Amino acid sequence: ARSFADALINFYNFFFANNLFYCIINRLLVRLLAHRYNSEWGMERRISWPAALFAIVLIIAGLGGDMLPTSDVT
């Protein structure tokens, strides 16, 4: 139970510490969605897709690393 509480605290710390990071991700995703209604963003879409995928991978890796209960490993 102790390590689970620590994992939750780490998760919340990660989320709030990277608030700006999440805002950037949201802007990328909104940009990708807006491209469907705006054909003038063709160039930005080519740049934003890899950036958004890379950012999502970073989020998953960061959350996975923070949620690991390392104190239980014997």
PDB file of N, CA and C in Angstrom:
ATOM      1  N   ALA A   1       0.838  -1.204   0.000  1.00  0.00           N
ATOM      2  CA  ALA A   1       0.000   0.000   0.000  1.00  0.00           C
ATOM      3  C   ALA A   1       0.867   1.246   0.000  1.00  0.00           C
ATOM      4  N   ARG A   2       1.996   1.163   0.674  1.00  0.00           N
ATOM      5  CA  ARG A   2       2.890   2.319   0.741  1.00  0.00           C
ATOM      6  C   ARG A   2       3.418   2.667  -0.651  1.00  0.00           C
ATOM      7  N   SER A   3       3.861   1.671  -1.386  1.00  0.00           N
ATOM      8  CA  SER A   3       4.435   1.951  -2.702  1.00  0.00           C
ATOM      9  C   SER A   3       3.351   2.430  -3.670  1.00  0.00           C
ATOM     10  N   PHE A   4       2.128   1.941  -3.494  1.00  0.00           N
ATOM     11  CA  PHE A   4       1.040   2.400  -4.356  1.00  0.00           C
ATOM     12  C   PHE A   4       0.742   3.871  -4.097  1.00  0.00           C
ATOM     13  N   ALA A   5       0.750   4.281  -2.830  1.00  0.00           N
ATOM     14  CA  ALA A   5       0.544   5.698  -2.510  1.00  0.00           C
ATOM     15  C   ALA A   5       1.679   6.531  -3.090  1.00  0.00           C
ATOM     16  N   ASP A   6       2.903   6.028  -2.981  1.00  0.00           N
ATOM     17  CA  ASP A   6       4.040   6.757  -3.555  1.00  0.00           C
ATOM     18  C   ASP A   6       3.881   6.889  -5.066  1.00  0.00           C
ATOM     19  N   ALA A   7       3.392   5.836  -5.703  1.00  0.00           N
ATOM     20  CA  ALA A   7       3.204   5.890  -7.152  1.00  0.00           C
ATOM     21  C   ALA A   7       2.150   6.934  -7.515  1.00  0.00           C
ATOM     22  N   LEU A   8       1.079   7.002  -6.732  1.00  0.00           N
ATOM     23  CA  LEU A   8       0.048   8.008  -6.999  1.00  0.00           C
ATOM     24  C   LEU A   8       0.616   9.408  -6.829  1.00  0.00           C
ATOM     25  N   ILE A   9       1.399   9.612  -5.764  1.00  0.00           N
ATOM     26  CA  ILE A   9       2.002  10.929  -5.537  1.00  0.00           C
ATOM     27  C   ILE A   9       2.931  11.274  -6.691  1.00  0.00           C
ATOM     28  N   ASN A  10       3.719  10.307  -7.139  1.00  0.00           N
ATOM     29  CA  ASN A  10       4.617  10.554  -8.269  1.00  0.00           C
ATOM     30  C   ASN A  10       3.824  10.910  -9.515  1.00  0.00           C
ATOM     31  N   PHE A  11       2.703  10.231  -9.712  1.00  0.00           N
ATOM     32  CA  PHE A  11       1.877  10.509 -10.883  1.00  0.00           C
ATOM     33  C   PHE A  11       1.353  11.938 -10.844  1.00  0.00           C
ATOM     34  N   TYR A  12       0.830  12.361  -9.694  1.00  0.00           N
ATOM     35  CA  TYR A  12       0.302  13.725  -9.600  1.00  0.00           C
ATOM     36  C   TYR A  12       1.414  14.752  -9.727  1.00  0.00           C
ATOM     37  N   ASN A  13       2.567  14.480  -9.118  1.00  0.00           N
ATOM     38  CA  ASN A  13       3.696  15.403  -9.252  1.00  0.00           C
ATOM     39  C   ASN A  13       4.106  15.529 -10.713  1.00  0.00           C
ATOM     40  N   PHE A  14       4.168  14.400 -11.418  1.00  0.00           N
ATOM     41  CA  PHE A  14       4.538  14.422 -12.831  1.00  0.00           C
ATOM     42  C   PHE A  14       3.531  15.239 -13.630  1.00  0.00           C
ATOM     43  N   PHE A  15       2.241  15.032 -13.352  1.00  0.00           N
ATOM     44  CA  PHE A  15       1.206  15.710 -14.129  1.00  0.00           C
ATOM     45  C   PHE A  15       1.269  17.210 -13.910  1.00  0.00           C
ATOM     46  N   PHE A  16       1.368  17.649 -12.661  1.00  0.00           N
ATOM     47  CA  PHE A  16       1.329  19.084 -12.390  1.00  0.00           C
ATOM     48  C   PHE A  16       2.643  19.755 -12.754  1.00  0.00           C
ATOM     49  N   ALA A  17       3.750  19.037 -12.622  1.00  0.00           N
ATOM     50  CA  ALA A  17       5.038  19.637 -12.971  1.00  0.00           C
ATOM     51  C   ALA A  17       5.140  19.843 -14.477  1.00  0.00           C
ATOM     52  N   ASN A  18       4.449  19.009 -15.250  1.00  0.00           N
ATOM     53  CA  ASN A  18       4.536  19.103 -16.708  1.00  0.00           C
ATOM     54  C   ASN A  18       3.246  19.657 -17.304  1.00  0.00           C
ATOM     55  N   ASN A  19       2.620  20.584 -16.579  1.00  0.00           N
ATOM     56  CA  ASN A  19       1.376  21.167 -17.066  1.00  0.00           C
ATOM     57  C   ASN A  19       1.589  21.857 -18.410  1.00  0.00           C
ATOM     58  N   LEU A  20       2.680  22.617 -18.531  1.00  0.00           N
ATOM     59  CA  LEU A  20       2.978  23.305 -19.787  1.00  0.00           C
ATOM     60  C   LEU A  20       3.182  22.287 -20.907  1.00  0.00           C
ATOM     61  N   PHE A  21       3.857  21.163 -20.580  1.00  0.00           N
ATOM     62  CA  PHE A  21       4.074  20.100 -21.557  1.00  0.00           C
ATOM     63  C   PHE A  21       2.734  19.597 -22.098  1.00  0.00           C
ATOM     64  N   TYR A  22       1.767  19.365 -21.195  1.00  0.00           N
ATOM     65  CA  TYR A  22       0.465  18.875 -21.630  1.00  0.00           C
ATOM     66  C   TYR A  22      -0.269  19.913 -22.466  1.00  0.00           C
ATOM     67  N   CYS A  23      -0.092  21.200 -22.123  1.00  0.00           N
ATOM     68  CA  CYS A  23      -0.725  22.252 -22.924  1.00  0.00           C
ATOM     69  C   CYS A  23      -0.187  22.222 -24.352  1.00  0.00           C
ATOM     70  N   ILE A  24       1.125  21.991 -24.486  1.00  0.00           N
ATOM     71  CA  ILE A  24       1.724  21.927 -25.822  1.00  0.00           C
ATOM     72  C   ILE A  24       1.151  20.740 -26.593  1.00  0.00           C
ATOM     73  N   ILE A  25       0.995  19.600 -25.905  1.00  0.00           N
ATOM     74  CA  ILE A  25       0.420  18.424 -26.563  1.00  0.00           C
ATOM     75  C   ILE A  25      -1.000  18.738 -27.039  1.00  0.00           C
ATOM     76  N   ASN A  26      -1.774  19.377 -26.162  1.00  0.00           N
ATOM     77  CA  ASN A  26      -3.153  19.711 -26.528  1.00  0.00           C
ATOM     78  C   ASN A  26      -3.179  20.595 -27.761  1.00  0.00           C
ATOM     79  N   ARG A  27      -2.267  21.563 -27.830  1.00  0.00           N
ATOM     80  CA  ARG A  27      -2.238  22.451 -28.995  1.00  0.00           C
ATOM     81  C   ARG A  27      -1.905  21.663 -30.259  1.00  0.00           C
ATOM     82  N   LEU A  28      -0.982  20.714 -30.148  1.00  0.00           N
ATOM     83  CA  LEU A  28      -0.640  19.898 -31.319  1.00  0.00           C
ATOM     84  C   LEU A  28      -1.854  19.096 -31.784  1.00  0.00           C
ATOM     85  N   LEU A  29      -2.556  18.476 -30.827  1.00  0.00           N
ATOM     86  CA  LEU A  29      -3.704  17.650 -31.204  1.00  0.00           C
ATOM     87  C   LEU A  29      -4.820  18.505 -31.788  1.00  0.00           C
ATOM     88  N   VAL A  30      -5.055  19.678 -31.195  1.00  0.00           N
ATOM     89  CA  VAL A  30      -6.074  20.577 -31.741  1.00  0.00           C
ATOM     90  C   VAL A  30      -5.696  20.994 -33.157  1.00  0.00           C
ATOM     91  N   ARG A  31      -4.399  21.216 -33.369  1.00  0.00           N
ATOM     92  CA  ARG A  31      -3.926  21.600 -34.697  1.00  0.00           C
ATOM     93  C   ARG A  31      -4.177  20.468 -35.700  1.00  0.00           C
ATOM     94  N   LEU A  32      -3.937  19.235 -35.257  1.00  0.00           N
ATOM     95  CA  LEU A  32      -4.161  18.094 -36.151  1.00  0.00           C
ATOM     96  C   LEU A  32      -5.644  17.970 -36.498  1.00  0.00           C
ATOM     97  N   LEU A  33      -6.514  18.162 -35.494  1.00  0.00           N
ATOM     98  CA  LEU A  33      -7.947  18.067 -35.752  1.00  0.00           C
ATOM     99  C   LEU A  33      -8.410  19.209 -36.643  1.00  0.00           C
ATOM    100  N   ALA A  34      -7.874  20.407 -36.400  1.00  0.00           N
ATOM    101  CA  ALA A  34      -8.306  21.564 -37.182  1.00  0.00           C
ATOM    102  C   ALA A  34      -7.898  21.424 -38.647  1.00  0.00           C
ATOM    103  N   HIS A  35      -6.856  20.637 -38.910  1.00  0.00           N
ATOM    104  CA  HIS A  35      -6.411  20.486 -40.297  1.00  0.00           C
ATOM    105  C   HIS A  35      -7.511  19.875 -41.163  1.00  0.00           C
ATOM    106  N   ARG A  36      -8.360  19.065 -40.577  1.00  0.00           N
ATOM    107  CA  ARG A  36      -9.424  18.435 -41.358  1.00  0.00           C
ATOM    108  C   ARG A  36     -10.389  19.482 -41.892  1.00  0.00           C
ATOM    109  N   TYR A  37     -10.496  20.625 -41.217  1.00  0.00           N
ATOM    110  CA  TYR A  37     -11.412  21.669 -41.667  1.00  0.00           C
ATOM    111  C   TYR A  37     -10.667  22.836 -42.307  1.00  0.00           C
ATOM    112  N   ASN A  38      -9.345  22.827 -42.213  1.00  0.00           N
ATOM    113  CA  ASN A  38      -8.535  23.894 -42.813  1.00  0.00           C
ATOM    114  C   ASN A  38      -7.500  23.251 -43.725  1.00  0.00           C
ATOM    115  N   SER A  39      -7.640  23.453 -45.028  1.00  0.00           N
ATOM    116  CA  SER A  39      -6.707  22.808 -45.954  1.00  0.00           C
ATOM    117  C   SER A  39      -5.408  23.586 -46.075  1.00  0.00           C
ATOM    118  N   GLU A  40      -5.329  24.780 -45.470  1.00  0.00           N
ATOM    119  CA  GLU A  40      -4.127  25.600 -45.628  1.00  0.00           C
ATOM    120  C   GLU A  40      -3.011  25.182 -44.674  1.00  0.00           C
ATOM    121  N   TRP A  41      -3.269  24.188 -43.800  1.00  0.00           N
ATOM    122  CA  TRP A  41      -2.256  23.781 -42.820  1.00  0.00           C
ATOM    123  C   TRP A  41      -1.546  22.503 -43.238  1.00  0.00           C
ATOM    124  N   GLY A  42      -1.438  22.275 -44.554  1.00  0.00           N
ATOM    125  CA  GLY A  42      -0.810  21.043 -45.009  1.00  0.00           C
ATOM    126  C   GLY A  42       0.625  20.909 -44.529  1.00  0.00           C
ATOM    127  N   MET A  43       1.385  22.012 -44.571  1.00  0.00           N
ATOM    128  CA  MET A  43       2.781  21.965 -44.165  1.00  0.00           C
ATOM    129  C   MET A  43       2.910  21.690 -42.672  1.00  0.00           C
ATOM    130  N   GLU A  44       2.050  22.319 -41.865  1.00  0.00           N
ATOM    131  CA  GLU A  44       2.143  22.118 -40.424  1.00  0.00           C
ATOM    132  C   GLU A  44       1.759  20.697 -40.040  1.00  0.00           C
ATOM    133  N   ARG A  45       0.834  20.106 -40.807  1.00  0.00           N
ATOM    134  CA  ARG A  45       0.418  18.749 -40.482  1.00  0.00           C
ATOM    135  C   ARG A  45       1.589  17.784 -40.652  1.00  0.00           C
ATOM    136  N   ARG A  46       2.407  18.012 -41.675  1.00  0.00           N
ATOM    137  CA  ARG A  46       3.538  17.124 -41.907  1.00  0.00           C
ATOM    138  C   ARG A  46       4.526  17.190 -40.738  1.00  0.00           C
ATOM    139  N   ILE A  47       4.598  18.358 -40.082  1.00  0.00           N
ATOM    140  CA  ILE A  47       5.527  18.507 -38.959  1.00  0.00           C
ATOM    141  C   ILE A  47       4.878  18.035 -37.659  1.00  0.00           C
ATOM    142  N   SER A  48       3.559  18.242 -37.535  1.00  0.00           N
ATOM    143  CA  SER A  48       2.904  18.012 -36.250  1.00  0.00           C
ATOM    144  C   SER A  48       2.651  16.530 -35.980  1.00  0.00           C
ATOM    145  N   TRP A  49       2.415  15.748 -37.024  1.00  0.00           N
ATOM    146  CA  TRP A  49       2.124  14.332 -36.774  1.00  0.00           C
ATOM    147  C   TRP A  49       3.276  13.625 -36.063  1.00  0.00           C
ATOM    148  N   PRO A  50       4.522  13.695 -36.561  1.00  0.00           N
ATOM    149  CA  PRO A  50       5.612  13.033 -35.828  1.00  0.00           C
ATOM    150  C   PRO A  50       5.825  13.654 -34.456  1.00  0.00           C
ATOM    151  N   ALA A  51       5.660  14.965 -34.346  1.00  0.00           N
ATOM    152  CA  ALA A  51       5.853  15.620 -33.050  1.00  0.00           C
ATOM    153  C   ALA A  51       4.809  15.138 -32.047  1.00  0.00           C
ATOM    154  N   ALA A  52       3.564  15.032 -32.482  1.00  0.00           N
ATOM    155  CA  ALA A  52       2.505  14.588 -31.578  1.00  0.00           C
ATOM    156  C   ALA A  52       2.720  13.128 -31.173  1.00  0.00           C
ATOM    157  N   LEU A  53       3.082  12.286 -32.132  1.00  0.00           N
ATOM    158  CA  LEU A  53       3.330  10.879 -31.807  1.00  0.00           C
ATOM    159  C   LEU A  53       4.492  10.749 -30.841  1.00  0.00           C
ATOM    160  N   PHE A  54       5.563  11.513 -31.097  1.00  0.00           N
ATOM    161  CA  PHE A  54       6.728  11.475 -30.218  1.00  0.00           C
ATOM    162  C   PHE A  54       6.358  11.946 -28.817  1.00  0.00           C
ATOM    163  N   ALA A  55       5.539  12.988 -28.737  1.00  0.00           N
ATOM    164  CA  ALA A  55       5.134  13.513 -27.433  1.00  0.00           C
ATOM    165  C   ALA A  55       4.272  12.500 -26.685  1.00  0.00           C
ATOM    166  N   ILE A  56       3.388  11.817 -27.407  1.00  0.00           N
ATOM    167  CA  ILE A  56       2.548  10.804 -26.761  1.00  0.00           C
ATOM    168  C   ILE A  56       3.413   9.666 -26.235  1.00  0.00           C
ATOM    169  N   VAL A  57       4.414   9.264 -27.025  1.00  0.00           N
ATOM    170  CA  VAL A  57       5.334   8.218 -26.566  1.00  0.00           C
ATOM    171  C   VAL A  57       6.066   8.683 -25.317  1.00  0.00           C
ATOM    172  N   LEU A  58       6.477   9.956 -25.301  1.00  0.00           N
ATOM    173  CA  LEU A  58       7.166  10.497 -24.128  1.00  0.00           C
ATOM    174  C   LEU A  58       6.255  10.466 -22.911  1.00  0.00           C
ATOM    175  N   ILE A  59       4.985  10.823 -23.093  1.00  0.00           N
ATOM    176  CA  ILE A  59       4.037  10.818 -21.971  1.00  0.00           C
ATOM    177  C   ILE A  59       3.883   9.401 -21.434  1.00  0.00           C
ATOM    178  N   ILE A  60       3.693   8.431 -22.342  1.00  0.00           N
ATOM    179  CA  ILE A  60       3.498   7.046 -21.909  1.00  0.00           C
ATOM    180  C   ILE A  60       4.739   6.547 -21.180  1.00  0.00           C
ATOM    181  N   ALA A  61       5.917   6.864 -21.728  1.00  0.00           N
ATOM    182  CA  ALA A  61       7.155   6.422 -21.087  1.00  0.00           C
ATOM    183  C   ALA A  61       7.318   7.091 -19.725  1.00  0.00           C
ATOM    184  N   GLY A  62       6.999   8.383 -19.641  1.00  0.00           N
ATOM    185  CA  GLY A  62       7.139   9.091 -18.373  1.00  0.00           C
ATOM    186  C   GLY A  62       6.178   8.566 -17.322  1.00  0.00           C
ATOM    187  N   LEU A  63       4.918   8.350 -17.711  1.00  0.00           N
ATOM    188  CA  LEU A  63       3.942   7.836 -16.759  1.00  0.00           C
ATOM    189  C   LEU A  63       4.310   6.423 -16.343  1.00  0.00           C
ATOM    190  N   GLY A  64       4.727   5.599 -17.301  1.00  0.00           N
ATOM    191  CA  GLY A  64       5.112   4.234 -16.972  1.00  0.00           C
ATOM    192  C   GLY A  64       6.280   4.207 -16.004  1.00  0.00           C
ATOM    193  N   GLY A  65       7.258   5.081 -16.211  1.00  0.00           N
ATOM    194  CA  GLY A  65       8.399   5.116 -15.312  1.00  0.00           C
ATOM    195  C   GLY A  65       8.023   5.619 -13.934  1.00  0.00           C
ATOM    196  N   ASP A  66       7.102   6.577 -13.863  1.00  0.00           N
ATOM    197  CA  ASP A  66       6.720   7.131 -12.568  1.00  0.00           C
ATOM    198  C   ASP A  66       5.796   6.197 -11.802  1.00  0.00           C
ATOM    199  N   MET A  67       5.035   5.388 -12.501  1.00  0.00           N
ATOM    200  CA  MET A  67       4.072   4.523 -11.825  1.00  0.00           C
ATOM    201  C   MET A  67       4.698   3.219 -11.340  1.00  0.00           C
ATOM    202  N   LEU A  68       5.953   2.968 -11.677  1.00  0.00           N
ATOM    203  CA  LEU A  68       6.578   1.722 -11.249  1.00  0.00           C
ATOM    204  C   LEU A  68       6.830   1.744  -9.743  1.00  0.00           C
ATOM    205  N   PRO A  69       6.350   0.735  -9.010  1.00  0.00           N
ATOM    206  CA  PRO A  69       6.609   0.678  -7.561  1.00  0.00           C
ATOM    207  C   PRO A  69       8.016   0.149  -7.281  1.00  0.00           C
ATOM    208  N   THR A  70       9.002   1.005  -7.379  1.00  0.00           N
ATOM    209  CA  THR A  70      10.394   0.560  -7.267  1.00  0.00           C
ATOM    210  C   THR A  70      10.740   0.155  -5.845  1.00  0.00           C
ATOM    211  N   SER A  71       9.970   0.619  -4.843  1.00  0.00           N
ATOM    212  CA  SER A  71      10.327   0.315  -3.455  1.00  0.00           C
ATOM    213  C   SER A  71       9.987  -1.127  -3.091  1.00  0.00           C
ATOM    214  N   ASP A  72       9.190  -1.811  -3.929  1.00  0.00           N
ATOM    215  CA  ASP A  72       8.809  -3.191  -3.626  1.00  0.00           C
ATOM    216  C   ASP A  72       9.807  -4.209  -4.171  1.00  0.00           C
ATOM    217  N   VAL A  73      10.690  -3.779  -5.057  1.00  0.00           N
ATOM    218  CA  VAL A  73      11.618  -4.719  -5.686  1.00  0.00           C
ATOM    219  C   VAL A  73      12.597  -5.237  -4.643  1.00  0.00           C
ATOM    220  N   THR A  74      12.745  -6.559  -4.609  1.00  0.00           N
ATOM    221  CA  THR A  74      13.649  -7.157  -3.608  1.00  0.00           C
ATOM    222  C   THR A  74      14.891  -7.676  -4.310  1.00  0.00           C
TER     223      THR A  74
END
